[in-house]
Amino acid sequence: MTTNADGTVVVERRDLYVTVSFPGAAHISQNIYYGPAQARIAFQPDPFDIYQLLTSLAGALVSVAAFLIFFVPFAYMRRGTG
C-alpha cells in the first residue's frame, strides 16, 4: 500500500473488513524512526433502498415494453416475406 503526497492512503474494499499494516521504517541519518502499526476497519453494509429497486424494475419493464412495441411488428411483417 502506498500513500499520496499528503500521506493519505486510499483503500478499495472487497470484503467486510480491511486490514492495513505498516512494518515500520528507519532513517538513521535523519534520526527518524516510524514504528510498526496495524489497523482493522469494519464497514457497515449499505442500507436497502426500496426506491432504487423500484426504479430498476420500472426501467426493466420499460425496456421490455419498448422491445415488444418495436420488434414484434417487424417480426410479424417479416414472417410473411420468408
N, C-alpha and C. Protein backbone atom coordinates (compact mmCIF):
# COMPACT_ATOMS: atom_id res chain seq x y z
N MET A 1 0.84 -1.15 0.00
CA MET A 1 0.00 0.00 0.00
C MET A 1 0.90 1.22 0.00
N THR A 2 0.58 2.19 -0.81
CA THR A 2 1.36 3.42 -0.86
C THR A 2 0.47 4.60 -0.55
N THR A 3 1.10 5.70 -0.20
CA THR A 3 0.36 6.92 0.11
C THR A 3 0.63 7.96 -0.98
N ASN A 4 -0.24 8.95 -1.04
CA ASN A 4 0.00 10.04 -1.98
C ASN A 4 0.87 11.10 -1.31
N ALA A 5 1.03 12.25 -1.92
CA ALA A 5 1.91 13.29 -1.39
C ALA A 5 1.45 13.82 -0.04
N ASP A 6 0.14 13.74 0.24
CA ASP A 6 -0.40 14.21 1.53
C ASP A 6 -0.32 13.15 2.61
N GLY A 7 0.09 11.95 2.26
CA GLY A 7 0.15 10.87 3.24
C GLY A 7 -1.16 10.13 3.38
N THR A 8 -2.10 10.36 2.48
CA THR A 8 -3.40 9.71 2.53
C THR A 8 -3.35 8.37 1.82
N VAL A 9 -3.92 7.35 2.46
CA VAL A 9 -4.00 6.02 1.87
C VAL A 9 -5.41 5.80 1.35
N VAL A 10 -5.51 5.35 0.11
CA VAL A 10 -6.82 5.04 -0.48
C VAL A 10 -6.91 3.52 -0.58
N VAL A 11 -7.97 2.96 0.01
CA VAL A 11 -8.15 1.52 0.06
C VAL A 11 -9.46 1.17 -0.63
N GLU A 12 -9.42 0.17 -1.49
CA GLU A 12 -10.64 -0.33 -2.12
C GLU A 12 -11.14 -1.53 -1.33
N ARG A 13 -12.38 -1.46 -0.92
CA ARG A 13 -12.96 -2.52 -0.08
C ARG A 13 -13.47 -3.65 -0.95
N ARG A 14 -13.04 -4.87 -0.66
CA ARG A 14 -13.53 -6.06 -1.34
C ARG A 14 -14.19 -7.03 -0.38
N ASP A 15 -14.20 -6.70 0.88
CA ASP A 15 -14.74 -7.58 1.89
C ASP A 15 -15.32 -6.70 2.99
N LEU A 16 -15.84 -7.32 4.03
CA LEU A 16 -16.41 -6.56 5.14
C LEU A 16 -15.33 -5.86 5.94
N TYR A 17 -14.13 -6.44 6.01
CA TYR A 17 -13.04 -5.88 6.79
C TYR A 17 -11.88 -5.51 5.89
N VAL A 18 -11.16 -4.47 6.28
CA VAL A 18 -9.92 -4.09 5.62
C VAL A 18 -8.86 -4.00 6.70
N THR A 19 -7.76 -4.71 6.51
CA THR A 19 -6.65 -4.67 7.46
C THR A 19 -5.47 -3.99 6.79
N VAL A 20 -4.93 -2.99 7.46
CA VAL A 20 -3.79 -2.24 6.95
C VAL A 20 -2.65 -2.41 7.93
N SER A 21 -1.47 -2.74 7.42
CA SER A 21 -0.32 -2.86 8.31
C SER A 21 0.87 -2.11 7.72
N PHE A 22 1.73 -1.62 8.60
CA PHE A 22 2.93 -0.88 8.23
C PHE A 22 4.08 -1.47 9.02
N PRO A 23 5.09 -2.01 8.34
CA PRO A 23 6.15 -2.70 9.06
C PRO A 23 7.09 -1.78 9.83
N GLY A 24 7.04 -0.48 9.59
CA GLY A 24 7.95 0.46 10.24
C GLY A 24 9.07 0.82 9.30
N ALA A 25 9.72 1.93 9.55
CA ALA A 25 10.83 2.38 8.71
C ALA A 25 11.79 3.19 9.57
N ALA A 26 13.05 3.12 9.21
CA ALA A 26 14.06 3.88 9.95
C ALA A 26 14.94 4.63 8.97
N HIS A 27 15.16 5.90 9.29
CA HIS A 27 16.11 6.74 8.56
C HIS A 27 17.14 7.19 9.58
N ILE A 28 18.17 6.38 9.76
CA ILE A 28 19.15 6.63 10.83
C ILE A 28 19.88 7.94 10.60
N SER A 29 20.16 8.29 9.36
CA SER A 29 20.89 9.53 9.09
C SER A 29 20.10 10.76 9.51
N GLN A 30 18.77 10.66 9.54
CA GLN A 30 17.92 11.79 9.92
C GLN A 30 17.33 11.62 11.31
N ASN A 31 17.74 10.58 12.02
CA ASN A 31 17.22 10.28 13.36
C ASN A 31 15.69 10.16 13.36
N ILE A 32 15.15 9.50 12.35
CA ILE A 32 13.70 9.31 12.24
C ILE A 32 13.41 7.81 12.27
N TYR A 33 12.44 7.44 13.08
CA TYR A 33 12.00 6.04 13.13
C TYR A 33 10.48 6.01 13.21
N TYR A 34 9.88 5.27 12.31
CA TYR A 34 8.43 5.06 12.33
C TYR A 34 8.18 3.65 12.82
N GLY A 35 7.47 3.52 13.89
CA GLY A 35 7.20 2.21 14.46
C GLY A 35 6.16 1.45 13.66
N PRO A 36 6.14 0.12 13.80
CA PRO A 36 5.14 -0.68 13.09
C PRO A 36 3.74 -0.38 13.61
N ALA A 37 2.76 -0.49 12.73
CA ALA A 37 1.37 -0.22 13.11
C ALA A 37 0.46 -1.12 12.29
N GLN A 38 -0.72 -1.40 12.85
CA GLN A 38 -1.73 -2.18 12.16
C GLN A 38 -3.09 -1.66 12.56
N ALA A 39 -3.99 -1.59 11.60
CA ALA A 39 -5.35 -1.12 11.86
C ALA A 39 -6.32 -2.00 11.10
N ARG A 40 -7.48 -2.26 11.68
CA ARG A 40 -8.53 -3.03 11.02
C ARG A 40 -9.82 -2.24 11.12
N ILE A 41 -10.47 -2.06 10.00
CA ILE A 41 -11.70 -1.27 9.93
C ILE A 41 -12.82 -2.16 9.43
N ALA A 42 -13.97 -2.13 10.10
CA ALA A 42 -15.15 -2.86 9.66
C ALA A 42 -16.10 -1.87 9.00
N PHE A 43 -16.61 -2.23 7.84
CA PHE A 43 -17.52 -1.36 7.11
C PHE A 43 -18.96 -1.79 7.36
N GLN A 44 -19.83 -0.82 7.47
CA GLN A 44 -21.26 -1.10 7.61
C GLN A 44 -21.84 -1.39 6.23
N PRO A 45 -22.71 -2.36 6.11
CA PRO A 45 -23.34 -2.61 4.81
C PRO A 45 -24.23 -1.45 4.41
N ASP A 46 -24.39 -1.27 3.11
CA ASP A 46 -25.26 -0.21 2.61
C ASP A 46 -26.71 -0.57 2.93
N PRO A 47 -27.51 0.40 3.37
CA PRO A 47 -28.91 0.10 3.67
C PRO A 47 -29.69 -0.23 2.40
N PHE A 48 -30.72 -1.05 2.56
CA PHE A 48 -31.56 -1.43 1.43
C PHE A 48 -32.38 -0.22 0.99
N ASP A 49 -32.37 0.07 -0.29
CA ASP A 49 -33.08 1.22 -0.84
C ASP A 49 -34.21 0.73 -1.74
N ILE A 50 -35.45 0.78 -1.23
CA ILE A 50 -36.61 0.29 -1.98
C ILE A 50 -36.87 1.13 -3.22
N TYR A 51 -36.56 2.42 -3.16
CA TYR A 51 -36.80 3.29 -4.31
C TYR A 51 -35.85 2.97 -5.46
N GLN A 52 -34.63 2.62 -5.15
CA GLN A 52 -33.69 2.23 -6.18
C GLN A 52 -34.14 0.92 -6.84
N LEU A 53 -34.64 -0.01 -6.04
CA LEU A 53 -35.15 -1.27 -6.58
C LEU A 53 -36.34 -1.03 -7.50
N LEU A 54 -37.28 -0.19 -7.07
CA LEU A 54 -38.46 0.09 -7.89
C LEU A 54 -38.08 0.81 -9.17
N THR A 55 -37.12 1.71 -9.11
CA THR A 55 -36.66 2.41 -10.31
C THR A 55 -36.03 1.42 -11.28
N SER A 56 -35.25 0.50 -10.78
CA SER A 56 -34.63 -0.52 -11.64
C SER A 56 -35.68 -1.41 -12.29
N LEU A 57 -36.68 -1.82 -11.52
CA LEU A 57 -37.76 -2.66 -12.07
C LEU A 57 -38.56 -1.90 -13.11
N ALA A 58 -38.83 -0.62 -12.86
CA ALA A 58 -39.58 0.18 -13.83
C ALA A 58 -38.78 0.32 -15.12
N GLY A 59 -37.47 0.53 -15.01
CA GLY A 59 -36.63 0.63 -16.20
C GLY A 59 -36.63 -0.67 -16.98
N ALA A 60 -36.61 -1.79 -16.29
CA ALA A 60 -36.65 -3.08 -16.96
C ALA A 60 -37.97 -3.28 -17.68
N LEU A 61 -39.06 -2.91 -17.04
CA LEU A 61 -40.38 -3.05 -17.68
C LEU A 61 -40.50 -2.16 -18.91
N VAL A 62 -39.95 -0.95 -18.84
CA VAL A 62 -39.98 -0.05 -20.00
C VAL A 62 -39.16 -0.65 -21.13
N SER A 63 -38.03 -1.25 -20.81
CA SER A 63 -37.20 -1.87 -21.85
C SER A 63 -37.92 -3.02 -22.53
N VAL A 64 -38.59 -3.85 -21.76
CA VAL A 64 -39.34 -4.98 -22.33
C VAL A 64 -40.49 -4.46 -23.18
N ALA A 65 -41.20 -3.45 -22.70
CA ALA A 65 -42.31 -2.89 -23.46
C ALA A 65 -41.82 -2.27 -24.77
N ALA A 66 -40.70 -1.55 -24.72
CA ALA A 66 -40.17 -0.95 -25.95
C ALA A 66 -39.75 -2.03 -26.93
N PHE A 67 -39.17 -3.10 -26.45
CA PHE A 67 -38.78 -4.20 -27.32
C PHE A 67 -40.02 -4.79 -28.00
N LEU A 68 -41.06 -5.02 -27.22
CA LEU A 68 -42.28 -5.61 -27.80
C LEU A 68 -42.94 -4.67 -28.80
N ILE A 69 -42.95 -3.40 -28.49
CA ILE A 69 -43.62 -2.43 -29.37
C ILE A 69 -42.87 -2.29 -30.69
N PHE A 70 -41.54 -2.26 -30.63
CA PHE A 70 -40.76 -2.01 -31.85
C PHE A 70 -40.35 -3.28 -32.60
N PHE A 71 -40.22 -4.39 -31.91
CA PHE A 71 -39.73 -5.59 -32.59
C PHE A 71 -40.86 -6.47 -33.14
N VAL A 72 -41.90 -6.64 -32.38
CA VAL A 72 -42.98 -7.56 -32.77
C VAL A 72 -43.59 -7.18 -34.12
N PRO A 73 -43.91 -5.91 -34.39
CA PRO A 73 -44.48 -5.61 -35.72
C PRO A 73 -43.54 -5.96 -36.87
N PHE A 74 -42.24 -5.71 -36.70
CA PHE A 74 -41.29 -6.05 -37.76
C PHE A 74 -41.17 -7.56 -37.92
N ALA A 75 -41.17 -8.28 -36.83
CA ALA A 75 -41.10 -9.74 -36.91
C ALA A 75 -42.35 -10.29 -37.58
N TYR A 76 -43.49 -9.70 -37.30
CA TYR A 76 -44.75 -10.15 -37.89
C TYR A 76 -44.75 -9.89 -39.41
N MET A 77 -44.29 -8.68 -39.80
CA MET A 77 -44.26 -8.35 -41.23
C MET A 77 -43.22 -9.19 -41.96
N ARG A 78 -42.13 -9.51 -41.33
CA ARG A 78 -41.08 -10.28 -41.98
C ARG A 78 -41.49 -11.76 -42.14
N ARG A 79 -42.34 -12.22 -41.27
CA ARG A 79 -42.78 -13.61 -41.32
C ARG A 79 -43.49 -13.91 -42.64
N GLY A 80 -44.21 -12.94 -43.17
CA GLY A 80 -44.94 -13.15 -44.41
C GLY A 80 -44.05 -13.15 -45.64
N THR A 81 -42.83 -12.54 -45.57
CA THR A 81 -41.97 -12.47 -46.75
C THR A 81 -41.04 -13.67 -46.87
N GLY A 82 -40.84 -14.44 -45.82
CA GLY A 82 -39.88 -15.54 -45.84
C GLY A 82 -40.44 -16.75 -46.41
